[in-house]
Amino acid sequence: MAKKILARTQTKTPTDAILDEHWEGDFQIFCAAYGGSAQPVKLQQRVPTQNIRPESGWVNAKFDGDDIELTAAGDTIIVTLTRGYEYRLKTSAAGAEVYIDKVDSHR
């Protein structure tokens, strides 16, 4: 079942929805809505460490040197999440709604 990781009123994945070090494998990230005031939604990651401040250590994830981002309703990306890292979404302006679900390994 898909999990919402960014609501239309949010500019970053809330702490209780961060994809933590227990997530591993191939996932589809789907932008279900992208409002008129929305800005690109970027996938970010960090290496979790003990006693790290909540906003420390996040960097934009890249593919071939470009930020991994969603910019319209219907945008879909497939990502491989690696155990030992944390992942979230961040944008400079609210308006997007984004979900994640595991890719079926038997496809």
N, C-alpha and C. Protein backbone atom coordinates (compact mmCIF):
# COMPACT_ATOMS: atom_id res chain seq x y z
N MET A 1 0.83 -1.18 0.00
CA MET A 1 0.00 0.00 0.00
C MET A 1 0.88 1.25 0.00
N ALA A 2 0.56 2.20 -0.84
CA ALA A 2 1.35 3.42 -0.96
C ALA A 2 1.30 4.23 0.33
N LYS A 3 2.40 4.91 0.62
CA LYS A 3 2.52 5.74 1.81
C LYS A 3 2.74 7.19 1.36
N LYS A 4 1.96 8.12 1.93
CA LYS A 4 2.15 9.53 1.61
C LYS A 4 3.38 10.03 2.36
N ILE A 5 4.32 10.62 1.61
CA ILE A 5 5.53 11.14 2.25
C ILE A 5 5.66 12.66 2.09
N LEU A 6 4.70 13.27 1.39
CA LEU A 6 4.65 14.73 1.31
C LEU A 6 3.21 15.14 1.02
N ALA A 7 2.64 15.94 1.91
CA ALA A 7 1.27 16.44 1.72
C ALA A 7 1.32 17.80 1.04
N ARG A 8 0.21 18.21 0.46
CA ARG A 8 0.14 19.49 -0.27
C ARG A 8 0.48 20.70 0.60
N THR A 9 0.34 20.58 1.91
CA THR A 9 0.62 21.70 2.82
C THR A 9 2.03 21.68 3.38
N GLN A 10 2.84 20.71 2.99
CA GLN A 10 4.18 20.54 3.56
C GLN A 10 5.28 20.93 2.57
N THR A 11 6.41 21.38 3.14
CA THR A 11 7.57 21.68 2.31
C THR A 11 8.67 20.64 2.47
N LYS A 12 8.49 19.71 3.41
CA LYS A 12 9.43 18.60 3.55
C LYS A 12 8.71 17.42 4.20
N THR A 13 9.24 16.26 3.98
CA THR A 13 8.70 15.05 4.59
C THR A 13 8.76 15.21 6.10
N PRO A 14 7.64 14.98 6.81
CA PRO A 14 7.67 15.11 8.26
C PRO A 14 8.56 14.05 8.90
N THR A 15 9.04 14.34 10.08
CA THR A 15 9.97 13.46 10.77
C THR A 15 9.45 12.03 10.88
N ASP A 16 8.15 11.87 11.15
CA ASP A 16 7.61 10.52 11.33
C ASP A 16 7.41 9.77 10.00
N ALA A 17 7.66 10.41 8.87
CA ALA A 17 7.52 9.76 7.57
C ALA A 17 8.85 9.64 6.82
N ILE A 18 9.95 10.09 7.45
CA ILE A 18 11.26 9.97 6.80
C ILE A 18 11.54 8.49 6.54
N LEU A 19 12.06 8.22 5.38
CA LEU A 19 12.42 6.86 5.00
C LEU A 19 13.77 6.57 5.66
N ASP A 20 13.72 5.87 6.78
CA ASP A 20 14.91 5.71 7.60
C ASP A 20 15.77 4.54 7.16
N GLU A 21 16.74 4.21 7.99
CA GLU A 21 17.73 3.20 7.63
C GLU A 21 17.14 1.79 7.48
N HIS A 22 15.87 1.61 7.78
CA HIS A 22 15.24 0.30 7.64
C HIS A 22 14.63 0.08 6.24
N TRP A 23 14.55 1.14 5.44
CA TRP A 23 14.01 1.01 4.08
C TRP A 23 15.12 0.53 3.17
N GLU A 24 14.80 -0.43 2.34
CA GLU A 24 15.80 -0.97 1.42
C GLU A 24 15.10 -1.59 0.22
N GLY A 25 15.60 -1.32 -0.96
CA GLY A 25 15.06 -1.92 -2.16
C GLY A 25 14.61 -0.89 -3.18
N ASP A 26 13.86 -1.36 -4.17
CA ASP A 26 13.38 -0.50 -5.26
C ASP A 26 11.99 0.02 -4.94
N PHE A 27 11.82 1.33 -5.10
CA PHE A 27 10.56 1.99 -4.78
C PHE A 27 10.17 2.95 -5.90
N GLN A 28 8.86 3.10 -6.07
CA GLN A 28 8.32 4.09 -6.99
C GLN A 28 7.86 5.29 -6.17
N ILE A 29 8.31 6.48 -6.55
CA ILE A 29 7.86 7.72 -5.93
C ILE A 29 7.00 8.42 -6.97
N PHE A 30 5.77 8.73 -6.58
CA PHE A 30 4.75 9.23 -7.50
C PHE A 30 4.19 10.57 -7.02
N CYS A 31 4.21 11.56 -7.88
CA CYS A 31 3.64 12.88 -7.57
C CYS A 31 2.18 12.88 -8.02
N ALA A 32 1.27 12.79 -7.05
CA ALA A 32 -0.16 12.69 -7.36
C ALA A 32 -0.78 14.04 -7.66
N ALA A 33 -0.24 15.10 -7.10
CA ALA A 33 -0.77 16.45 -7.32
C ALA A 33 0.37 17.45 -7.28
N TYR A 34 0.24 18.50 -8.10
CA TYR A 34 1.27 19.54 -8.16
C TYR A 34 0.55 20.85 -8.44
N GLY A 35 0.32 21.63 -7.37
CA GLY A 35 -0.45 22.86 -7.47
C GLY A 35 0.29 23.97 -8.21
N GLY A 36 -0.45 25.02 -8.52
CA GLY A 36 0.09 26.14 -9.28
C GLY A 36 1.24 26.86 -8.59
N SER A 37 1.27 26.84 -7.26
CA SER A 37 2.34 27.53 -6.53
C SER A 37 3.47 26.59 -6.13
N ALA A 38 3.35 25.32 -6.49
CA ALA A 38 4.37 24.33 -6.11
C ALA A 38 5.70 24.62 -6.80
N GLN A 39 6.75 24.19 -6.16
CA GLN A 39 8.11 24.28 -6.70
C GLN A 39 8.67 22.86 -6.80
N PRO A 40 9.75 22.66 -7.56
CA PRO A 40 10.31 21.31 -7.70
C PRO A 40 10.50 20.63 -6.34
N VAL A 41 10.11 19.37 -6.30
CA VAL A 41 10.25 18.55 -5.10
C VAL A 41 11.50 17.70 -5.28
N LYS A 42 12.47 17.90 -4.42
CA LYS A 42 13.76 17.23 -4.55
C LYS A 42 13.88 16.07 -3.57
N LEU A 43 14.44 14.97 -4.04
CA LEU A 43 14.76 13.85 -3.18
C LEU A 43 16.07 14.18 -2.48
N GLN A 44 16.09 14.04 -1.15
CA GLN A 44 17.30 14.29 -0.38
C GLN A 44 17.67 13.04 0.40
N GLN A 45 18.94 12.92 0.73
CA GLN A 45 19.40 11.81 1.55
C GLN A 45 20.49 12.29 2.50
N ARG A 46 20.68 11.48 3.55
CA ARG A 46 21.78 11.72 4.48
C ARG A 46 22.18 10.41 5.12
N VAL A 47 23.41 10.38 5.59
CA VAL A 47 23.88 9.24 6.36
C VAL A 47 23.47 9.51 7.80
N PRO A 48 22.64 8.64 8.39
CA PRO A 48 22.22 8.90 9.77
C PRO A 48 23.40 8.71 10.73
N THR A 49 23.48 9.60 11.69
CA THR A 49 24.51 9.50 12.72
C THR A 49 23.86 9.80 14.07
N GLN A 50 24.50 9.43 15.11
CA GLN A 50 23.96 9.68 16.44
C GLN A 50 24.07 11.16 16.77
N ASN A 51 23.04 11.65 17.47
CA ASN A 51 23.00 13.03 17.97
C ASN A 51 23.11 14.09 16.88
N ILE A 52 22.62 13.79 15.68
CA ILE A 52 22.66 14.77 14.60
C ILE A 52 21.44 15.68 14.70
N ARG A 53 21.62 16.96 14.46
CA ARG A 53 20.48 17.88 14.47
C ARG A 53 19.56 17.52 13.32
N PRO A 54 18.25 17.69 13.49
CA PRO A 54 17.30 17.25 12.46
C PRO A 54 17.56 17.80 11.06
N GLU A 55 18.06 19.01 10.92
CA GLU A 55 18.27 19.58 9.58
C GLU A 55 19.70 19.43 9.08
N SER A 56 20.55 18.79 9.85
CA SER A 56 21.94 18.65 9.45
C SER A 56 22.14 17.48 8.50
N GLY A 57 23.05 17.65 7.60
CA GLY A 57 23.50 16.53 6.79
C GLY A 57 22.67 16.17 5.57
N TRP A 58 21.56 16.84 5.31
CA TRP A 58 20.74 16.51 4.14
C TRP A 58 21.36 17.10 2.89
N VAL A 59 21.45 16.30 1.83
CA VAL A 59 21.94 16.77 0.53
C VAL A 59 20.97 16.32 -0.55
N ASN A 60 20.88 17.08 -1.62
CA ASN A 60 20.03 16.68 -2.74
C ASN A 60 20.63 15.46 -3.42
N ALA A 61 19.80 14.44 -3.61
CA ALA A 61 20.23 13.25 -4.32
C ALA A 61 20.34 13.59 -5.80
N LYS A 62 21.31 13.02 -6.46
CA LYS A 62 21.56 13.32 -7.87
C LYS A 62 21.62 12.04 -8.70
N PHE A 63 21.32 12.19 -9.98
CA PHE A 63 21.51 11.12 -10.96
C PHE A 63 22.18 11.76 -12.16
N ASP A 64 23.33 11.24 -12.54
CA ASP A 64 24.13 11.81 -13.64
C ASP A 64 24.36 13.31 -13.46
N GLY A 65 24.56 13.74 -12.20
CA GLY A 65 24.88 15.13 -11.91
C GLY A 65 23.70 16.06 -11.77
N ASP A 66 22.48 15.57 -12.02
CA ASP A 66 21.28 16.39 -11.90
C ASP A 66 20.48 15.99 -10.67
N ASP A 67 19.89 17.01 -9.99
CA ASP A 67 19.03 16.72 -8.85
C ASP A 67 17.89 15.80 -9.28
N ILE A 68 17.55 14.85 -8.42
CA ILE A 68 16.38 14.00 -8.64
C ILE A 68 15.19 14.78 -8.12
N GLU A 69 14.25 15.14 -9.02
CA GLU A 69 13.14 15.98 -8.61
C GLU A 69 11.86 15.65 -9.38
N LEU A 70 10.75 16.03 -8.76
CA LEU A 70 9.42 15.91 -9.35
C LEU A 70 8.93 17.32 -9.65
N THR A 71 8.38 17.54 -10.85
CA THR A 71 7.99 18.90 -11.23
C THR A 71 6.58 19.00 -11.80
N ALA A 72 5.80 17.90 -11.74
CA ALA A 72 4.44 17.94 -12.28
C ALA A 72 3.65 16.76 -11.73
N ALA A 73 2.33 16.91 -11.70
CA ALA A 73 1.46 15.79 -11.34
C ALA A 73 1.69 14.67 -12.34
N GLY A 74 1.80 13.47 -11.84
CA GLY A 74 2.06 12.32 -12.70
C GLY A 74 3.53 11.95 -12.81
N ASP A 75 4.42 12.85 -12.42
CA ASP A 75 5.84 12.50 -12.44
C ASP A 75 6.08 11.29 -11.55
N THR A 76 6.87 10.36 -12.06
CA THR A 76 7.17 9.13 -11.34
C THR A 76 8.66 8.84 -11.47
N ILE A 77 9.27 8.45 -10.36
CA ILE A 77 10.66 8.02 -10.41
C ILE A 77 10.77 6.68 -9.69
N ILE A 78 11.68 5.87 -10.16
CA ILE A 78 12.01 4.61 -9.50
C ILE A 78 13.39 4.82 -8.87
N VAL A 79 13.48 4.55 -7.57
CA VAL A 79 14.74 4.74 -6.86
C VAL A 79 15.08 3.47 -6.09
N THR A 80 16.35 3.24 -5.93
CA THR A 80 16.82 2.17 -5.07
C THR A 80 17.28 2.80 -3.76
N LEU A 81 16.59 2.46 -2.67
CA LEU A 81 16.95 2.98 -1.36
C LEU A 81 17.90 1.98 -0.70
N THR A 82 18.94 2.51 -0.12
CA THR A 82 19.99 1.69 0.46
C THR A 82 19.92 1.73 1.98
N ARG A 83 19.99 0.56 2.60
CA ARG A 83 20.01 0.48 4.07
C ARG A 83 21.19 1.31 4.58
N GLY A 84 20.98 2.03 5.67
CA GLY A 84 22.05 2.82 6.25
C GLY A 84 21.94 4.31 5.92
N TYR A 85 21.02 4.67 5.05
CA TYR A 85 20.79 6.07 4.71
C TYR A 85 19.37 6.45 5.07
N GLU A 86 19.12 7.74 5.15
CA GLU A 86 17.77 8.25 5.33
C GLU A 86 17.41 9.07 4.10
N TYR A 87 16.12 9.08 3.75
CA TYR A 87 15.64 9.79 2.57
C TYR A 87 14.41 10.61 2.93
N ARG A 88 14.27 11.75 2.26
CA ARG A 88 13.07 12.58 2.41
C ARG A 88 12.90 13.40 1.14
N LEU A 89 11.77 14.11 1.07
CA LEU A 89 11.51 15.06 -0.01
C LEU A 89 11.51 16.45 0.57
N LYS A 90 11.95 17.42 -0.22
CA LYS A 90 11.95 18.82 0.22
C LYS A 90 11.68 19.72 -0.98
N THR A 91 10.92 20.80 -0.71
CA THR A 91 10.60 21.78 -1.74
C THR A 91 10.60 23.17 -1.12
N SER A 92 10.77 24.20 -1.92
CA SER A 92 10.78 25.56 -1.38
C SER A 92 9.38 26.15 -1.26
N ALA A 93 8.37 25.51 -1.87
CA ALA A 93 6.99 25.98 -1.77
C ALA A 93 6.04 24.78 -1.78
N ALA A 94 5.11 24.76 -0.84
CA ALA A 94 4.15 23.67 -0.73
C ALA A 94 3.24 23.63 -1.96
N GLY A 95 2.56 22.49 -2.13
CA GLY A 95 1.61 22.36 -3.23
C GLY A 95 1.64 21.01 -3.91
N ALA A 96 2.63 20.18 -3.57
CA ALA A 96 2.73 18.85 -4.18
C ALA A 96 2.31 17.78 -3.17
N GLU A 97 1.76 16.69 -3.70
CA GLU A 97 1.41 15.53 -2.87
C GLU A 97 2.10 14.33 -3.47
N VAL A 98 2.91 13.64 -2.65
CA VAL A 98 3.78 12.59 -3.16
C VAL A 98 3.66 11.32 -2.32
N TYR A 99 3.65 10.19 -3.03
CA TYR A 99 3.52 8.87 -2.40
C TYR A 99 4.70 7.99 -2.79
N ILE A 100 4.93 6.96 -1.96
CA ILE A 100 5.97 5.97 -2.26
C ILE A 100 5.37 4.59 -2.06
N ASP A 101 5.81 3.65 -2.90
CA ASP A 101 5.40 2.26 -2.74
C ASP A 101 6.51 1.36 -3.27
N LYS A 102 6.60 0.19 -2.72
CA LYS A 102 7.61 -0.80 -3.11
C LYS A 102 7.32 -1.29 -4.53
N VAL A 103 8.36 -1.42 -5.31
CA VAL A 103 8.22 -2.00 -6.66
C VAL A 103 8.15 -3.51 -6.49
N ASP A 104 7.18 -4.13 -7.15
CA ASP A 104 7.00 -5.57 -7.06
C ASP A 104 8.20 -6.28 -7.66
N SER A 105 8.89 -7.06 -6.86
CA SER A 105 10.11 -7.74 -7.35
C SER A 105 9.78 -8.88 -8.31
N HIS A 106 8.50 -9.24 -8.43
CA HIS A 106 8.09 -10.34 -9.31
C HIS A 106 7.47 -9.84 -10.61
N ARG A 107 7.71 -8.61 -10.95
CA ARG A 107 7.11 -8.02 -12.17
C ARG A 107 7.70 -8.59 -13.41
